[in-house]
Amino acid sequence: MPNYVKIEILRMLRNRRYIIFVVGFPVVFYLIFSGIWGAQTDSGGVRAAVVLMVSMAAYGAIAACLMSTAVPWAQERQSGWLRQLQVTPLPGWAIIVTKLIASLLLVLPSMVLVCLAAVLTQGVRLPVGEWLVLIPALWIGAVPFAALGLLLGSLLPADAAQSAAMISTFGLAILGGLWFPVEIMPEAMQSVVHAMPSFSYADIGQHLVAGGAAPPSAVLTVVAWAAVLGTAAVFAYRRALARA
């Protein structure tokens, strides 16, 4: 299984779309947004440059999870690669676990580069302890989005999976308040935003950089979405396996 994980990661790292849209875009967005609003502070005295760092790192993680699972998985089903995997010594569960592990590892390049951009261009400084909590929290918190990518890849053909992954990425970013402050949204939309996994995911990081603890409600929301989407992804995967 480790070799399979290595192959999956190397394949995505050689993919120009992944490098440009998943790794590059969050960094570019951070540089633009922080250049405009980075010096502002919120009601708690936290600089916008720090808040934006969390938001763009979360956006990059969501994009990485969806683009590294939905599209390749759908392409593999369509090309017959899934049938080839079934005749290897790998058990069925190892295939989907490998996809999840590879997806989570591919979250790190974008996340680390956004944080590095924040440090180098906006002078963001956090205590070592906060960095050691923030990065793992954002990394582990990406599980529901990896599950969503596997779900889309199991249900949709390759062309549709790519469109669905992009729409889902942008939708989660907008409805999660990653690109625009939730306060400027219509009141009816704000109730939807607070139920989104992307909002709770970023909310955890934003509380951590403010020196606080992760809100239990946000943690429970992310865990609940991970459980629901993970269960759905397993069922969809088994269905795809039976049809392969």
Protein backbone atom coordinates (compact mmCIF):
# COMPACT_ATOMS: atom_id res chain seq x y z
CA MET A 1 0.00 0.00 0.00
CA PRO A 2 2.81 2.54 0.68
CA ASN A 3 3.98 2.19 -2.93
CA TYR A 4 0.44 2.78 -4.16
CA VAL A 5 0.22 5.94 -2.04
CA LYS A 6 3.56 7.10 -3.48
CA ILE A 7 2.34 6.52 -7.04
CA GLU A 8 -0.87 8.48 -6.40
CA ILE A 9 1.01 11.45 -4.96
CA LEU A 10 3.64 11.57 -7.71
CA ARG A 11 0.96 11.39 -10.36
CA MET A 12 -0.87 14.41 -8.95
CA LEU A 13 2.34 16.40 -8.42
CA ARG A 14 3.07 15.97 -12.14
CA ASN A 15 -0.39 17.25 -13.02
CA ARG A 16 -0.19 20.88 -14.16
CA ARG A 17 -3.83 21.52 -13.30
CA TYR A 18 -3.16 20.48 -9.71
CA ILE A 19 -0.10 22.72 -9.46
CA ILE A 20 -1.85 25.76 -10.97
CA PHE A 21 -5.41 25.56 -9.65
CA VAL A 22 -4.86 23.78 -6.34
CA VAL A 23 -1.43 24.93 -5.20
CA GLY A 24 -1.06 28.24 -7.03
CA PHE A 25 -4.50 29.83 -6.80
CA PRO A 26 -4.84 29.91 -2.98
CA VAL A 27 -1.44 31.60 -2.71
CA VAL A 28 -2.33 34.16 -5.40
CA PHE A 29 -5.70 34.86 -3.77
CA TYR A 30 -3.98 35.34 -0.42
CA LEU A 31 -1.49 37.79 -1.85
CA ILE A 32 -4.29 39.80 -3.50
CA PHE A 33 -6.69 39.84 -0.55
CA SER A 34 -4.00 40.44 2.07
CA GLY A 35 -2.54 43.24 -0.04
CA ILE A 36 -5.92 45.01 0.10
CA TRP A 37 -7.20 44.20 3.61
CA GLY A 38 -4.22 42.64 5.38
CA ALA A 39 -3.58 45.54 7.76
CA GLN A 40 -7.15 45.68 9.09
CA THR A 41 -8.08 44.04 12.38
CA ASP A 42 -11.25 42.34 13.52
CA SER A 43 -13.17 42.96 16.75
CA GLY A 44 -10.77 40.67 18.62
CA GLY A 45 -7.70 42.54 17.43
CA VAL A 46 -6.57 39.80 15.01
CA ARG A 47 -5.09 41.12 11.78
CA ALA A 48 -6.97 40.35 8.58
CA ALA A 49 -3.73 38.95 7.17
CA VAL A 50 -3.93 36.16 9.75
CA VAL A 51 -7.64 35.49 9.21
CA LEU A 52 -7.10 35.43 5.44
CA MET A 53 -4.21 33.00 5.89
CA VAL A 54 -6.57 30.51 7.55
CA SER A 55 -9.30 31.08 4.96
CA MET A 56 -7.01 30.60 1.97
CA ALA A 57 -5.30 27.59 3.56
CA ALA A 58 -8.75 26.09 4.09
CA TYR A 59 -9.72 26.88 0.49
CA GLY A 60 -6.53 25.26 -0.78
CA ALA A 61 -7.18 22.16 1.32
CA ILE A 62 -10.73 21.83 0.00
CA ALA A 63 -9.57 22.25 -3.61
CA ALA A 64 -6.76 19.72 -3.10
CA CYS A 65 -9.10 17.12 -1.60
CA LEU A 66 -11.71 17.41 -4.33
CA MET A 67 -9.41 17.69 -7.34
CA SER A 68 -7.08 14.91 -6.20
CA THR A 69 -9.90 12.42 -5.63
CA ALA A 70 -13.00 13.11 -7.70
CA VAL A 71 -11.44 13.52 -11.13
CA PRO A 72 -8.69 10.83 -10.99
CA TRP A 73 -11.06 8.32 -9.38
CA ALA A 74 -13.72 8.86 -12.05
CA GLN A 75 -11.07 8.56 -14.77
CA GLU A 76 -9.77 5.32 -13.29
CA ARG A 77 -13.24 3.81 -13.20
CA GLN A 78 -13.89 4.88 -16.77
CA SER A 79 -10.55 3.61 -18.11
CA GLY A 80 -10.86 0.21 -16.45
CA TRP A 81 -8.05 0.78 -13.95
CA LEU A 82 -10.40 -0.15 -11.11
CA ARG A 83 -10.84 -3.60 -12.65
CA GLN A 84 -7.06 -3.97 -12.81
CA LEU A 85 -6.75 -3.05 -9.14
CA GLN A 86 -9.26 -5.73 -8.23
CA VAL A 87 -6.93 -8.48 -9.48
CA THR A 88 -3.96 -7.19 -7.45
CA PRO A 89 -3.24 -8.41 -3.89
CA LEU A 90 -4.62 -5.11 -2.56
CA PRO A 91 -7.88 -5.66 -0.65
CA GLY A 92 -10.83 -3.44 -1.56
CA TRP A 93 -10.61 -1.39 1.62
CA ALA A 94 -6.92 -0.61 0.96
CA ILE A 95 -7.78 1.05 -2.34
CA ILE A 96 -10.14 3.61 -0.84
CA VAL A 97 -7.89 4.14 2.21
CA THR A 98 -4.97 4.82 -0.14
CA LYS A 99 -7.03 7.42 -1.96
CA LEU A 100 -7.90 9.13 1.32
CA ILE A 101 -4.30 9.12 2.55
CA ALA A 102 -2.96 10.46 -0.75
CA SER A 103 -5.63 13.15 -0.81
CA LEU A 104 -4.77 14.31 2.71
CA LEU A 105 -1.05 14.38 1.94
CA LEU A 106 -1.73 16.47 -1.17
CA VAL A 107 -3.43 19.05 1.07
CA LEU A 108 -0.09 20.01 2.61
CA PRO A 109 1.67 21.82 -0.31
CA SER A 110 -1.03 24.46 -0.72
CA MET A 111 -1.52 24.87 3.03
CA VAL A 112 2.19 25.27 3.75
CA LEU A 113 2.73 27.72 0.86
CA VAL A 114 -0.16 29.94 1.98
CA CYS A 115 1.27 30.06 5.51
CA LEU A 116 4.73 30.75 4.11
CA ALA A 117 3.33 33.60 1.98
CA ALA A 118 1.67 35.05 5.08
CA VAL A 119 4.94 34.96 7.01
CA LEU A 120 7.10 36.38 4.21
CA THR A 121 4.77 39.03 2.74
CA GLN A 122 2.60 40.11 5.67
CA GLY A 123 4.91 39.45 8.58
CA VAL A 124 2.50 37.04 10.21
CA ARG A 125 3.98 35.67 13.42
CA LEU A 126 2.35 33.05 15.62
CA PRO A 127 3.70 31.29 18.70
CA VAL A 128 5.24 27.93 17.90
CA GLY A 129 2.51 26.21 19.89
CA GLU A 130 -0.22 27.78 17.73
CA TRP A 131 1.49 26.65 14.52
CA LEU A 132 1.79 23.14 15.94
CA VAL A 133 -1.94 23.05 16.62
CA LEU A 134 -3.17 24.98 13.57
CA ILE A 135 -1.52 22.93 10.80
CA PRO A 136 -2.60 19.50 12.15
CA ALA A 137 -6.11 20.82 12.83
CA LEU A 138 -6.51 22.08 9.26
CA TRP A 139 -4.95 18.89 7.91
CA ILE A 140 -7.16 16.46 9.84
CA GLY A 141 -10.19 18.68 9.35
CA ALA A 142 -9.95 18.16 5.58
CA VAL A 143 -11.28 14.57 5.88
CA PRO A 144 -14.92 15.39 4.94
CA PHE A 145 -13.78 17.08 1.72
CA ALA A 146 -11.65 14.09 0.74
CA ALA A 147 -14.71 11.90 1.36
CA LEU A 148 -16.82 14.21 -0.82
CA GLY A 149 -14.26 13.90 -3.62
CA LEU A 150 -14.41 10.10 -3.45
CA LEU A 151 -18.19 10.24 -3.45
CA LEU A 152 -18.26 12.39 -6.60
CA GLY A 153 -15.65 10.23 -8.29
CA SER A 154 -17.63 7.06 -7.56
CA LEU A 155 -20.94 8.42 -8.82
CA LEU A 156 -20.03 10.53 -11.86
CA PRO A 157 -18.20 10.03 -15.17
CA ALA A 158 -14.87 11.81 -15.58
CA ASP A 159 -16.13 14.96 -17.37
CA ALA A 160 -19.00 15.44 -14.96
CA ALA A 161 -16.76 14.73 -11.96
CA GLN A 162 -14.39 17.52 -12.96
CA SER A 163 -17.22 20.04 -13.26
CA ALA A 164 -18.78 18.84 -10.02
CA ALA A 165 -15.45 19.09 -8.19
CA MET A 166 -14.90 22.67 -9.37
CA ILE A 167 -18.45 23.74 -8.56
CA SER A 168 -18.23 22.08 -5.15
CA THR A 169 -14.90 23.78 -4.44
CA PHE A 170 -16.18 27.25 -5.30
CA GLY A 171 -19.52 26.62 -3.62
CA LEU A 172 -17.91 25.47 -0.38
CA ALA A 173 -15.53 28.45 -0.46
CA ILE A 174 -18.31 30.99 -0.98
CA LEU A 175 -20.89 29.40 1.33
CA GLY A 176 -18.18 28.76 3.91
CA GLY A 177 -17.31 32.44 4.13
CA LEU A 178 -13.76 31.85 2.89
CA TRP A 179 -13.84 34.53 0.20
CA PHE A 180 -16.34 37.01 1.63
CA PRO A 181 -17.18 37.92 5.23
CA VAL A 182 -20.29 36.14 6.43
CA GLU A 183 -21.59 39.42 7.87
CA ILE A 184 -22.15 40.96 4.43
CA MET A 185 -24.29 38.04 3.24
CA PRO A 186 -28.10 38.13 3.38
CA GLU A 187 -29.48 36.92 6.70
CA ALA A 188 -31.18 33.91 5.12
CA MET A 189 -27.87 32.81 3.58
CA GLN A 190 -26.02 33.19 6.87
CA SER A 191 -28.01 30.33 8.40
CA VAL A 192 -26.95 28.12 5.47
CA VAL A 193 -23.32 29.21 5.86
CA HIS A 194 -23.19 28.16 9.51
CA ALA A 195 -24.30 24.65 8.56
CA MET A 196 -21.57 24.20 5.94
CA PRO A 197 -18.53 22.07 6.77
CA SER A 198 -16.23 24.63 5.14
CA PHE A 199 -17.41 27.36 7.55
CA SER A 200 -16.83 25.23 10.64
CA TYR A 201 -13.52 24.02 9.22
CA ALA A 202 -12.19 27.57 8.79
CA ASP A 203 -13.81 28.66 12.07
CA ILE A 204 -11.68 26.15 13.95
CA GLY A 205 -8.51 27.60 12.45
CA GLN A 206 -9.56 31.19 13.04
CA HIS A 207 -10.23 30.54 16.72
CA LEU A 208 -6.84 28.87 17.06
CA VAL A 209 -4.91 31.81 15.53
CA ALA A 210 -6.82 34.15 17.83
CA GLY A 211 -5.33 32.29 20.76
CA GLY A 212 -8.49 30.44 21.70
CA ALA A 213 -9.69 26.88 21.59
CA ALA A 214 -11.56 25.26 18.74
CA PRO A 215 -15.33 25.74 19.24
CA PRO A 216 -16.97 22.39 20.15
CA SER A 217 -19.89 23.15 17.81
CA ALA A 218 -17.51 23.62 14.87
CA VAL A 219 -15.61 20.43 15.69
CA LEU A 220 -18.87 18.47 15.94
CA THR A 221 -20.05 19.89 12.61
CA VAL A 222 -16.86 18.82 10.84
CA VAL A 223 -16.98 15.36 12.45
CA ALA A 224 -20.66 14.94 11.53
CA TRP A 225 -20.02 15.89 7.90
CA ALA A 226 -17.01 13.55 7.80
CA ALA A 227 -19.17 10.68 9.08
CA VAL A 228 -22.02 11.34 6.65
CA LEU A 229 -19.86 11.92 3.58
CA GLY A 230 -17.49 9.10 4.52
CA THR A 231 -20.37 6.62 4.82
CA ALA A 232 -21.85 7.79 1.53
CA ALA A 233 -18.43 7.52 -0.15
CA VAL A 234 -17.98 3.92 1.04
CA PHE A 235 -21.40 2.89 -0.27
CA ALA A 236 -20.78 4.65 -3.60
CA TYR A 237 -17.35 3.02 -3.85
CA ARG A 238 -18.80 -0.44 -3.25
CA ARG A 239 -21.40 0.22 -5.92
CA ALA A 240 -18.69 1.30 -8.37
CA LEU A 241 -16.64 -1.76 -7.43
CA ALA A 242 -19.58 -4.07 -8.15
CA ARG A 243 -20.10 -2.48 -11.57
CA ALA A 244 -16.41 -2.57 -12.55
